[in-house]
Amino acid sequence: MKIKEGLEEEYAKYVETNSTNGYSICVVKFSEQWADEMEREINNGVALKDCAENANRVVDKRPGFGITGFMYGCAVSGLSHFWIHGDVLKAWHNNEYGRPEAKGVVNPAILCISKKE
């Protein structure tokens, strides 16, 4: 996983802070492996929007994962800040949740309830 230039120290601290329990370290490890999968595809000429979802599924099926929606949101948030392709990932993610204009990372637990008439 390629970290944005100048954020290497901050990322190391993020990993250290999130290595104190199984839940948060799972988010870190999932994020790194998801980014690695997407980078492989991107390096082969595939657009992030065309590989993000499949790469997510590939990593999530590995032993030790099976992440929750909250964990997924944390992964997108962390990657959007630290990863060299994070801005593109955030734009893709927010668009997938119907909020392309959002400045932050859309919470994947977003619910829309409409009244049927």
N, C-alpha and C. Protein backbone atom coordinates (compact mmCIF):
# COMPACT_ATOMS: atom_id res chain seq x y z
N MET A 1 0.85 -1.17 0.00
CA MET A 1 0.00 0.00 0.00
C MET A 1 0.89 1.23 0.00
N LYS A 2 0.69 2.07 -0.99
CA LYS A 2 1.50 3.28 -1.10
C LYS A 2 0.82 4.42 -0.34
N ILE A 3 1.56 4.95 0.61
CA ILE A 3 1.06 6.04 1.45
C ILE A 3 1.36 7.37 0.75
N LYS A 4 0.44 8.33 0.92
CA LYS A 4 0.67 9.67 0.37
C LYS A 4 1.95 10.24 0.96
N GLU A 5 2.72 10.88 0.11
CA GLU A 5 3.99 11.47 0.53
C GLU A 5 3.76 12.44 1.68
N GLY A 6 4.59 12.30 2.70
CA GLY A 6 4.53 13.17 3.87
C GLY A 6 3.64 12.65 4.99
N LEU A 7 2.89 11.57 4.72
CA LEU A 7 2.00 11.02 5.75
C LEU A 7 2.51 9.70 6.33
N GLU A 8 3.73 9.33 6.00
CA GLU A 8 4.27 8.05 6.45
C GLU A 8 4.32 7.95 7.98
N GLU A 9 4.79 9.00 8.63
CA GLU A 9 4.87 8.99 10.09
C GLU A 9 3.49 8.95 10.72
N GLU A 10 2.59 9.75 10.19
CA GLU A 10 1.22 9.77 10.70
C GLU A 10 0.56 8.40 10.52
N TYR A 11 0.85 7.75 9.38
CA TYR A 11 0.28 6.43 9.14
C TYR A 11 0.83 5.41 10.14
N ALA A 12 2.12 5.48 10.40
CA ALA A 12 2.73 4.56 11.37
C ALA A 12 2.07 4.72 12.75
N LYS A 13 1.78 5.93 13.13
CA LYS A 13 1.10 6.20 14.40
C LYS A 13 -0.34 5.66 14.36
N TYR A 14 -1.01 5.85 13.24
CA TYR A 14 -2.37 5.33 13.05
C TYR A 14 -2.38 3.81 13.23
N VAL A 15 -1.42 3.12 12.62
CA VAL A 15 -1.33 1.67 12.74
C VAL A 15 -1.06 1.28 14.19
N GLU A 16 -0.12 1.97 14.82
CA GLU A 16 0.21 1.67 16.22
C GLU A 16 -1.01 1.86 17.12
N THR A 17 -1.71 2.96 16.96
CA THR A 17 -2.89 3.26 17.77
C THR A 17 -3.98 2.22 17.55
N ASN A 18 -4.12 1.76 16.32
CA ASN A 18 -5.19 0.82 15.99
C ASN A 18 -4.76 -0.64 16.04
N SER A 19 -3.67 -0.91 16.73
CA SER A 19 -3.19 -2.28 16.87
C SER A 19 -3.41 -2.83 18.27
N THR A 20 -4.23 -2.14 19.05
CA THR A 20 -4.41 -2.54 20.45
C THR A 20 -5.53 -3.55 20.67
N ASN A 21 -6.37 -3.76 19.65
CA ASN A 21 -7.42 -4.77 19.81
C ASN A 21 -7.72 -5.41 18.45
N GLY A 22 -8.36 -6.55 18.50
CA GLY A 22 -8.62 -7.32 17.29
C GLY A 22 -9.52 -6.62 16.29
N TYR A 23 -10.46 -5.84 16.78
CA TYR A 23 -11.41 -5.16 15.89
C TYR A 23 -10.71 -4.11 15.05
N SER A 24 -9.97 -3.23 15.70
CA SER A 24 -9.35 -2.14 14.95
C SER A 24 -8.17 -2.60 14.11
N ILE A 25 -7.41 -3.60 14.57
CA ILE A 25 -6.30 -4.08 13.74
C ILE A 25 -6.85 -4.79 12.50
N CYS A 26 -8.02 -5.38 12.62
CA CYS A 26 -8.66 -6.00 11.46
C CYS A 26 -8.95 -4.93 10.40
N VAL A 27 -9.40 -3.76 10.82
CA VAL A 27 -9.66 -2.66 9.88
C VAL A 27 -8.37 -2.28 9.18
N VAL A 28 -7.28 -2.15 9.93
CA VAL A 28 -5.99 -1.76 9.35
C VAL A 28 -5.53 -2.82 8.35
N LYS A 29 -5.55 -4.07 8.75
CA LYS A 29 -5.07 -5.14 7.86
C LYS A 29 -5.97 -5.27 6.63
N PHE A 30 -7.28 -5.16 6.82
CA PHE A 30 -8.19 -5.20 5.68
C PHE A 30 -7.88 -4.04 4.73
N SER A 31 -7.71 -2.85 5.27
CA SER A 31 -7.43 -1.66 4.45
C SER A 31 -6.17 -1.85 3.62
N GLU A 32 -5.12 -2.33 4.26
CA GLU A 32 -3.85 -2.52 3.55
C GLU A 32 -3.99 -3.56 2.44
N GLN A 33 -4.66 -4.66 2.73
CA GLN A 33 -4.81 -5.70 1.72
C GLN A 33 -5.75 -5.26 0.60
N TRP A 34 -6.79 -4.52 0.94
CA TRP A 34 -7.71 -4.00 -0.07
C TRP A 34 -6.97 -3.04 -0.99
N ALA A 35 -6.18 -2.14 -0.40
CA ALA A 35 -5.39 -1.20 -1.20
C ALA A 35 -4.41 -1.96 -2.10
N ASP A 36 -3.76 -2.99 -1.55
CA ASP A 36 -2.82 -3.78 -2.36
C ASP A 36 -3.52 -4.42 -3.55
N GLU A 37 -4.71 -4.98 -3.32
CA GLU A 37 -5.47 -5.60 -4.42
C GLU A 37 -5.83 -4.56 -5.48
N MET A 38 -6.29 -3.40 -5.05
CA MET A 38 -6.66 -2.35 -6.01
C MET A 38 -5.43 -1.84 -6.75
N GLU A 39 -4.30 -1.67 -6.04
CA GLU A 39 -3.07 -1.20 -6.70
C GLU A 39 -2.63 -2.16 -7.80
N ARG A 40 -2.74 -3.46 -7.53
CA ARG A 40 -2.38 -4.45 -8.57
C ARG A 40 -3.21 -4.22 -9.84
N GLU A 41 -4.50 -4.03 -9.65
CA GLU A 41 -5.39 -3.80 -10.79
C GLU A 41 -5.08 -2.46 -11.47
N ILE A 42 -4.90 -1.42 -10.67
CA ILE A 42 -4.60 -0.10 -11.21
C ILE A 42 -3.30 -0.14 -12.02
N ASN A 43 -2.30 -0.85 -11.51
CA ASN A 43 -1.02 -0.98 -12.22
C ASN A 43 -1.17 -1.74 -13.54
N ASN A 44 -2.26 -2.50 -13.67
CA ASN A 44 -2.55 -3.22 -14.92
C ASN A 44 -3.50 -2.45 -15.82
N GLY A 45 -3.74 -1.18 -15.47
CA GLY A 45 -4.55 -0.32 -16.32
C GLY A 45 -6.04 -0.29 -16.01
N VAL A 46 -6.46 -0.92 -14.93
CA VAL A 46 -7.87 -0.94 -14.56
C VAL A 46 -8.16 0.29 -13.70
N ALA A 47 -9.25 0.95 -13.98
CA ALA A 47 -9.66 2.12 -13.19
C ALA A 47 -10.12 1.66 -11.81
N LEU A 48 -9.86 2.48 -10.80
CA LEU A 48 -10.26 2.14 -9.44
C LEU A 48 -11.76 1.84 -9.37
N LYS A 49 -12.56 2.65 -10.03
CA LYS A 49 -14.02 2.44 -9.99
C LYS A 49 -14.41 1.08 -10.53
N ASP A 50 -13.55 0.49 -11.35
CA ASP A 50 -13.85 -0.81 -11.96
C ASP A 50 -13.27 -1.99 -11.18
N CYS A 51 -12.49 -1.72 -10.15
CA CYS A 51 -11.89 -2.82 -9.40
C CYS A 51 -12.15 -2.76 -7.90
N ALA A 52 -12.60 -1.63 -7.38
CA ALA A 52 -12.73 -1.46 -5.93
C ALA A 52 -13.66 -2.49 -5.29
N GLU A 53 -14.83 -2.66 -5.86
CA GLU A 53 -15.82 -3.56 -5.26
C GLU A 53 -15.34 -5.01 -5.28
N ASN A 54 -14.81 -5.46 -6.41
CA ASN A 54 -14.32 -6.83 -6.49
C ASN A 54 -13.14 -7.05 -5.55
N ALA A 55 -12.22 -6.10 -5.51
CA ALA A 55 -11.06 -6.22 -4.61
C ALA A 55 -11.53 -6.30 -3.16
N ASN A 56 -12.56 -5.54 -2.83
CA ASN A 56 -13.14 -5.58 -1.48
C ASN A 56 -13.62 -6.99 -1.17
N ARG A 57 -14.37 -7.58 -2.08
CA ARG A 57 -14.91 -8.93 -1.88
C ARG A 57 -13.80 -9.97 -1.75
N VAL A 58 -12.77 -9.85 -2.59
CA VAL A 58 -11.65 -10.80 -2.56
C VAL A 58 -11.00 -10.80 -1.18
N VAL A 59 -10.72 -9.62 -0.66
CA VAL A 59 -10.05 -9.52 0.64
C VAL A 59 -10.99 -9.93 1.76
N ASP A 60 -12.23 -9.53 1.68
CA ASP A 60 -13.19 -9.82 2.75
C ASP A 60 -13.44 -11.31 2.91
N LYS A 61 -13.23 -12.10 1.85
CA LYS A 61 -13.43 -13.55 1.92
C LYS A 61 -12.23 -14.29 2.51
N ARG A 62 -11.13 -13.58 2.71
CA ARG A 62 -9.94 -14.22 3.27
C ARG A 62 -10.16 -14.56 4.74
N PRO A 63 -9.48 -15.60 5.22
CA PRO A 63 -9.61 -15.96 6.64
C PRO A 63 -9.27 -14.78 7.55
N GLY A 64 -10.09 -14.59 8.57
CA GLY A 64 -9.85 -13.53 9.54
C GLY A 64 -10.58 -12.24 9.25
N PHE A 65 -11.24 -12.17 8.11
CA PHE A 65 -11.97 -10.95 7.79
C PHE A 65 -13.47 -11.23 7.92
N GLY A 66 -14.26 -10.77 6.98
CA GLY A 66 -15.71 -10.79 7.16
C GLY A 66 -16.08 -9.53 7.92
N ILE A 67 -15.66 -8.40 7.37
CA ILE A 67 -15.80 -7.13 8.07
C ILE A 67 -17.26 -6.65 8.14
N THR A 68 -17.51 -5.82 9.12
CA THR A 68 -18.84 -5.23 9.29
C THR A 68 -18.94 -3.97 8.43
N GLY A 69 -20.14 -3.44 8.32
CA GLY A 69 -20.34 -2.17 7.60
C GLY A 69 -19.56 -1.04 8.25
N PHE A 70 -19.52 -1.02 9.57
CA PHE A 70 -18.77 0.02 10.27
C PHE A 70 -17.28 -0.09 9.95
N MET A 71 -16.77 -1.31 9.95
CA MET A 71 -15.35 -1.54 9.62
C MET A 71 -15.06 -1.07 8.20
N TYR A 72 -15.97 -1.37 7.29
CA TYR A 72 -15.81 -0.93 5.90
C TYR A 72 -15.71 0.60 5.83
N GLY A 73 -16.58 1.29 6.54
CA GLY A 73 -16.55 2.75 6.58
C GLY A 73 -15.24 3.27 7.14
N CYS A 74 -14.74 2.62 8.19
CA CYS A 74 -13.44 3.00 8.77
C CYS A 74 -12.32 2.78 7.76
N ALA A 75 -12.39 1.68 7.03
CA ALA A 75 -11.36 1.39 6.02
C ALA A 75 -11.36 2.45 4.94
N VAL A 76 -12.52 2.81 4.43
CA VAL A 76 -12.61 3.84 3.39
C VAL A 76 -12.09 5.17 3.93
N SER A 77 -12.46 5.49 5.16
CA SER A 77 -12.02 6.75 5.76
C SER A 77 -10.50 6.80 5.90
N GLY A 78 -9.92 5.73 6.43
CA GLY A 78 -8.47 5.68 6.59
C GLY A 78 -7.74 5.72 5.25
N LEU A 79 -8.22 4.92 4.30
CA LEU A 79 -7.59 4.90 2.98
C LEU A 79 -7.74 6.24 2.28
N SER A 80 -8.87 6.89 2.43
CA SER A 80 -9.06 8.18 1.75
C SER A 80 -8.07 9.22 2.27
N HIS A 81 -7.67 9.08 3.51
CA HIS A 81 -6.71 10.03 4.08
C HIS A 81 -5.25 9.67 3.76
N PHE A 82 -4.90 8.39 3.88
CA PHE A 82 -3.50 7.98 3.81
C PHE A 82 -3.03 7.44 2.45
N TRP A 83 -3.88 6.80 1.70
CA TRP A 83 -3.48 6.06 0.50
C TRP A 83 -3.33 7.00 -0.69
N ILE A 84 -2.37 6.72 -1.57
CA ILE A 84 -2.14 7.61 -2.72
C ILE A 84 -3.35 7.70 -3.65
N HIS A 85 -4.19 6.69 -3.65
CA HIS A 85 -5.41 6.73 -4.47
C HIS A 85 -6.65 7.02 -3.62
N GLY A 86 -6.43 7.50 -2.41
CA GLY A 86 -7.52 7.70 -1.47
C GLY A 86 -8.58 8.69 -1.92
N ASP A 87 -8.18 9.75 -2.58
CA ASP A 87 -9.17 10.73 -3.03
C ASP A 87 -10.10 10.13 -4.08
N VAL A 88 -9.55 9.31 -4.95
CA VAL A 88 -10.36 8.64 -5.97
C VAL A 88 -11.28 7.61 -5.31
N LEU A 89 -10.75 6.89 -4.32
CA LEU A 89 -11.56 5.91 -3.60
C LEU A 89 -12.73 6.60 -2.90
N LYS A 90 -12.47 7.71 -2.24
CA LYS A 90 -13.53 8.44 -1.54
C LYS A 90 -14.60 8.91 -2.52
N ALA A 91 -14.19 9.43 -3.66
CA ALA A 91 -15.16 9.89 -4.68
C ALA A 91 -16.00 8.71 -5.17
N TRP A 92 -15.36 7.58 -5.45
CA TRP A 92 -16.08 6.38 -5.89
C TRP A 92 -17.07 5.93 -4.82
N HIS A 93 -16.59 5.82 -3.59
CA HIS A 93 -17.42 5.36 -2.46
C HIS A 93 -18.63 6.27 -2.27
N ASN A 94 -18.40 7.57 -2.21
CA ASN A 94 -19.50 8.51 -1.99
C ASN A 94 -20.52 8.45 -3.12
N ASN A 95 -20.03 8.27 -4.33
CA ASN A 95 -20.93 8.14 -5.48
C ASN A 95 -21.76 6.86 -5.36
N GLU A 96 -21.14 5.77 -4.92
CA GLU A 96 -21.85 4.51 -4.75
C GLU A 96 -23.01 4.65 -3.76
N TYR A 97 -22.85 5.53 -2.79
CA TYR A 97 -23.89 5.75 -1.79
C TYR A 97 -24.78 6.95 -2.14
N GLY A 98 -24.69 7.40 -3.38
CA GLY A 98 -25.58 8.45 -3.86
C GLY A 98 -25.30 9.84 -3.32
N ARG A 99 -24.07 10.05 -2.84
CA ARG A 99 -23.70 11.34 -2.27
C ARG A 99 -22.37 11.82 -2.85
N PRO A 100 -22.29 11.98 -4.18
CA PRO A 100 -21.01 12.37 -4.79
C PRO A 100 -20.52 13.74 -4.34
N GLU A 101 -21.41 14.59 -3.86
CA GLU A 101 -21.03 15.94 -3.44
C GLU A 101 -20.48 16.00 -2.02
N ALA A 102 -20.56 14.90 -1.26
CA ALA A 102 -20.12 14.89 0.14
C ALA A 102 -18.64 15.24 0.25
N LYS A 103 -18.33 16.07 1.22
CA LYS A 103 -16.93 16.46 1.44
C LYS A 103 -16.16 15.38 2.21
N GLY A 104 -16.83 14.73 3.17
CA GLY A 104 -16.22 13.65 3.92
C GLY A 104 -16.58 12.31 3.33
N VAL A 105 -16.28 11.25 4.06
CA VAL A 105 -16.62 9.89 3.63
C VAL A 105 -18.04 9.58 4.11
N VAL A 106 -18.89 9.20 3.18
CA VAL A 106 -20.27 8.86 3.52
C VAL A 106 -20.29 7.61 4.40
N ASN A 107 -21.07 7.67 5.47
CA ASN A 107 -21.24 6.54 6.37
C ASN A 107 -22.02 5.45 5.62
N PRO A 108 -21.46 4.24 5.50
CA PRO A 108 -22.16 3.20 4.75
C PRO A 108 -23.45 2.73 5.43
N ALA A 109 -23.69 3.17 6.65
CA ALA A 109 -24.93 2.80 7.33
C ALA A 109 -26.06 3.77 6.99
N ILE A 110 -25.84 4.64 6.01
CA ILE A 110 -26.85 5.63 5.63
C ILE A 110 -28.13 4.91 5.22
N LEU A 111 -29.22 5.42 5.70
CA LEU A 111 -30.53 4.84 5.36
C LEU A 111 -31.42 5.93 4.79
N CYS A 112 -32.18 5.56 3.80
CA CYS A 112 -33.17 6.48 3.24
C CYS A 112 -34.52 5.79 3.33
N ILE A 113 -35.42 6.42 4.02
CA ILE A 113 -36.75 5.87 4.16
C ILE A 113 -37.71 6.83 3.47
N SER A 114 -38.50 6.28 2.59
CA SER A 114 -39.46 7.12 1.91
C SER A 114 -40.85 6.55 2.13
N LYS A 115 -41.79 7.44 2.19
CA LYS A 115 -43.18 7.05 2.39
C LYS A 115 -43.80 6.74 1.03
N LYS A 116 -44.36 5.55 0.93
CA LYS A 116 -45.05 5.18 -0.32
C LYS A 116 -46.47 5.73 -0.25
N GLU A 117 -46.88 6.27 -1.33
CA GLU A 117 -48.23 6.84 -1.36
C GLU A 117 -49.11 6.03 -2.26
